[in-house]
Amino acid sequence: MRRSNGAFTPQERKMAMWALLMAALLAAMGLMIQQYSQPSVGPGGIDAYMTASAPGVLDAQPVMDAVAPVV
């Protein structure tokens, strides 16, 4: 049984502070790395995302004019 009135001992508070400090440092390093690195686009590079249109397929068009009232 603990003799102090506090919820945590000074040693536990010290370890919690170190854990918070390390978590904040890790998060800051992750943000810095993300800021200065290029996004991964896979082994094919950006060209892998560019595809030709299929023959006979049109771009999406609205079914009806959005301003016209439905009768």
N, C-alpha and C. Protein backbone atom coordinates (compact mmCIF):
# COMPACT_ATOMS: atom_id res chain seq x y z
N MET A 1 0.84 -1.17 0.00
CA MET A 1 0.00 0.00 0.00
C MET A 1 0.89 1.24 0.00
N ARG A 2 0.49 2.21 -0.78
CA ARG A 2 1.27 3.44 -0.86
C ARG A 2 0.99 4.33 0.34
N ARG A 3 1.99 5.09 0.69
CA ARG A 3 1.84 6.00 1.83
C ARG A 3 1.49 7.42 1.39
N SER A 4 1.70 7.73 0.10
CA SER A 4 1.42 9.09 -0.35
C SER A 4 -0.06 9.25 -0.69
N ASN A 5 -0.50 10.48 -0.72
CA ASN A 5 -1.89 10.78 -1.07
C ASN A 5 -2.07 10.92 -2.58
N GLY A 6 -0.97 11.06 -3.32
CA GLY A 6 -1.05 11.24 -4.77
C GLY A 6 -1.37 9.94 -5.48
N ALA A 7 -1.78 10.05 -6.73
CA ALA A 7 -2.13 8.88 -7.52
C ALA A 7 -0.87 8.20 -8.06
N PHE A 8 0.19 8.96 -8.32
CA PHE A 8 1.40 8.42 -8.90
C PHE A 8 2.61 8.85 -8.08
N THR A 9 3.62 8.00 -8.09
CA THR A 9 4.87 8.32 -7.40
C THR A 9 5.67 9.29 -8.26
N PRO A 10 6.64 9.98 -7.69
CA PRO A 10 7.48 10.87 -8.50
C PRO A 10 8.19 10.13 -9.64
N GLN A 11 8.59 8.89 -9.40
CA GLN A 11 9.24 8.10 -10.45
C GLN A 11 8.27 7.82 -11.61
N GLU A 12 7.03 7.51 -11.29
CA GLU A 12 6.03 7.25 -12.33
C GLU A 12 5.72 8.52 -13.12
N ARG A 13 5.64 9.65 -12.45
CA ARG A 13 5.41 10.91 -13.15
C ARG A 13 6.58 11.25 -14.05
N LYS A 14 7.80 10.98 -13.61
CA LYS A 14 8.99 11.24 -14.41
C LYS A 14 8.99 10.36 -15.66
N MET A 15 8.64 9.10 -15.51
CA MET A 15 8.60 8.19 -16.67
C MET A 15 7.48 8.59 -17.65
N ALA A 16 6.35 9.05 -17.12
CA ALA A 16 5.26 9.50 -17.99
C ALA A 16 5.67 10.74 -18.77
N MET A 17 6.40 11.63 -18.12
CA MET A 17 6.87 12.84 -18.81
C MET A 17 7.84 12.47 -19.94
N TRP A 18 8.75 11.53 -19.66
CA TRP A 18 9.68 11.09 -20.70
C TRP A 18 8.92 10.42 -21.86
N ALA A 19 7.90 9.64 -21.55
CA ALA A 19 7.12 8.98 -22.60
C ALA A 19 6.41 10.00 -23.47
N LEU A 20 5.82 11.03 -22.85
CA LEU A 20 5.17 12.09 -23.62
C LEU A 20 6.15 12.87 -24.47
N LEU A 21 7.32 13.14 -23.92
CA LEU A 21 8.35 13.86 -24.66
C LEU A 21 8.81 13.05 -25.87
N MET A 22 9.02 11.76 -25.69
CA MET A 22 9.45 10.91 -26.80
C MET A 22 8.36 10.79 -27.87
N ALA A 23 7.10 10.69 -27.45
CA ALA A 23 6.00 10.61 -28.41
C ALA A 23 5.90 11.91 -29.22
N ALA A 24 6.05 13.05 -28.56
CA ALA A 24 6.01 14.33 -29.26
C ALA A 24 7.18 14.46 -30.23
N LEU A 25 8.36 14.02 -29.82
CA LEU A 25 9.53 14.06 -30.68
C LEU A 25 9.34 13.17 -31.90
N LEU A 26 8.81 11.98 -31.70
CA LEU A 26 8.56 11.07 -32.80
C LEU A 26 7.54 11.65 -33.78
N ALA A 27 6.48 12.26 -33.26
CA ALA A 27 5.47 12.87 -34.12
C ALA A 27 6.05 14.04 -34.90
N ALA A 28 6.86 14.86 -34.27
CA ALA A 28 7.48 16.00 -34.96
C ALA A 28 8.43 15.53 -36.05
N MET A 29 9.19 14.48 -35.76
CA MET A 29 10.09 13.94 -36.79
C MET A 29 9.30 13.39 -37.97
N GLY A 30 8.18 12.72 -37.70
CA GLY A 30 7.33 12.21 -38.77
C GLY A 30 6.78 13.32 -39.63
N LEU A 31 6.36 14.41 -39.01
CA LEU A 31 5.86 15.56 -39.77
C LEU A 31 6.95 16.17 -40.63
N MET A 32 8.16 16.27 -40.09
CA MET A 32 9.26 16.84 -40.88
C MET A 32 9.61 15.95 -42.07
N ILE A 33 9.65 14.65 -41.85
CA ILE A 33 9.96 13.73 -42.94
C ILE A 33 8.87 13.81 -44.01
N GLN A 34 7.62 13.86 -43.58
CA GLN A 34 6.51 13.95 -44.53
C GLN A 34 6.55 15.26 -45.31
N GLN A 35 6.95 16.32 -44.67
CA GLN A 35 7.00 17.64 -45.31
C GLN A 35 8.01 17.67 -46.45
N TYR A 36 9.15 17.02 -46.26
CA TYR A 36 10.25 17.14 -47.22
C TYR A 36 10.46 15.92 -48.09
N SER A 37 9.52 14.97 -48.09
CA SER A 37 9.68 13.80 -48.95
C SER A 37 8.57 13.76 -49.99
N GLN A 38 8.85 13.15 -51.11
CA GLN A 38 7.88 13.02 -52.17
C GLN A 38 6.95 11.85 -51.87
N PRO A 39 5.70 11.94 -52.27
CA PRO A 39 4.78 10.82 -52.03
C PRO A 39 5.16 9.62 -52.87
N SER A 40 4.92 8.46 -52.34
CA SER A 40 5.22 7.22 -53.06
C SER A 40 4.13 7.00 -54.10
N VAL A 41 4.53 6.75 -55.32
CA VAL A 41 3.56 6.49 -56.38
C VAL A 41 3.69 5.07 -56.90
N GLY A 42 4.46 4.25 -56.23
CA GLY A 42 4.57 2.84 -56.62
C GLY A 42 5.68 2.60 -57.61
N PRO A 43 5.85 1.35 -58.01
CA PRO A 43 6.97 0.98 -58.89
C PRO A 43 6.85 1.54 -60.30
N GLY A 44 5.62 1.81 -60.77
CA GLY A 44 5.45 2.31 -62.13
C GLY A 44 5.61 3.81 -62.23
N GLY A 45 5.73 4.48 -61.12
CA GLY A 45 5.83 5.93 -61.15
C GLY A 45 4.49 6.56 -61.46
N ILE A 46 4.52 7.84 -61.73
CA ILE A 46 3.28 8.57 -62.00
C ILE A 46 2.63 8.11 -63.30
N ASP A 47 3.41 7.57 -64.23
CA ASP A 47 2.85 7.11 -65.49
C ASP A 47 1.90 5.93 -65.31
N ALA A 48 2.02 5.20 -64.23
CA ALA A 48 1.13 4.07 -63.98
C ALA A 48 -0.29 4.53 -63.73
N TYR A 49 -0.49 5.78 -63.32
CA TYR A 49 -1.83 6.29 -63.04
C TYR A 49 -2.49 6.89 -64.27
N MET A 50 -1.75 7.09 -65.32
CA MET A 50 -2.30 7.68 -66.53
C MET A 50 -2.72 6.56 -67.47
N THR A 51 -4.01 6.48 -67.74
CA THR A 51 -4.52 5.44 -68.63
C THR A 51 -5.25 6.08 -69.78
N ALA A 52 -5.27 5.40 -70.90
CA ALA A 52 -5.98 5.90 -72.07
C ALA A 52 -7.46 5.60 -71.92
N SER A 53 -8.29 6.45 -72.50
CA SER A 53 -9.73 6.21 -72.48
C SER A 53 -10.07 4.99 -73.31
N ALA A 54 -11.05 4.24 -72.85
CA ALA A 54 -11.51 3.08 -73.62
C ALA A 54 -12.27 3.59 -74.83
N PRO A 55 -12.10 2.93 -75.99
CA PRO A 55 -12.79 3.40 -77.20
C PRO A 55 -14.31 3.28 -77.04
N GLY A 56 -15.01 4.32 -77.45
CA GLY A 56 -16.47 4.31 -77.39
C GLY A 56 -17.05 4.72 -76.04
N VAL A 57 -16.21 5.05 -75.05
CA VAL A 57 -16.70 5.45 -73.74
C VAL A 57 -16.58 6.96 -73.62
N LEU A 58 -17.69 7.60 -73.27
CA LEU A 58 -17.71 9.05 -73.11
C LEU A 58 -17.51 9.42 -71.65
N ASP A 59 -17.15 10.65 -71.41
CA ASP A 59 -17.06 11.14 -70.04
C ASP A 59 -18.46 11.19 -69.43
N ALA A 60 -18.51 11.20 -68.12
CA ALA A 60 -19.79 11.23 -67.43
C ALA A 60 -20.51 12.53 -67.74
N GLN A 61 -21.80 12.43 -68.01
CA GLN A 61 -22.65 13.58 -68.32
C GLN A 61 -23.86 13.53 -67.39
N PRO A 62 -24.39 14.69 -66.99
CA PRO A 62 -25.61 14.67 -66.16
C PRO A 62 -26.78 14.10 -66.94
N VAL A 63 -27.66 13.38 -66.25
CA VAL A 63 -28.82 12.78 -66.90
C VAL A 63 -29.78 13.86 -67.33
N MET A 64 -30.00 14.85 -66.49
CA MET A 64 -30.88 15.97 -66.84
C MET A 64 -30.27 17.26 -66.33
N ASP A 65 -30.74 18.36 -66.86
CA ASP A 65 -30.24 19.65 -66.44
C ASP A 65 -30.65 19.90 -64.98
N ALA A 66 -29.72 20.31 -64.14
CA ALA A 66 -29.99 20.49 -62.72
C ALA A 66 -30.95 21.67 -62.46
N VAL A 67 -31.05 22.61 -63.40
CA VAL A 67 -31.91 23.79 -63.22
C VAL A 67 -33.33 23.50 -63.66
N ALA A 68 -33.52 22.60 -64.58
CA ALA A 68 -34.86 22.32 -65.11
C ALA A 68 -35.71 21.63 -64.06
N PRO A 69 -36.96 22.06 -63.91
CA PRO A 69 -37.86 21.41 -62.95
C PRO A 69 -38.30 20.04 -63.45
N VAL A 70 -38.51 19.15 -62.51
CA VAL A 70 -38.98 17.81 -62.86
C VAL A 70 -40.48 17.87 -63.03
N VAL A 71 -40.99 17.41 -64.18
CA VAL A 71 -42.43 17.49 -64.47
C VAL A 71 -43.07 16.15 -64.26
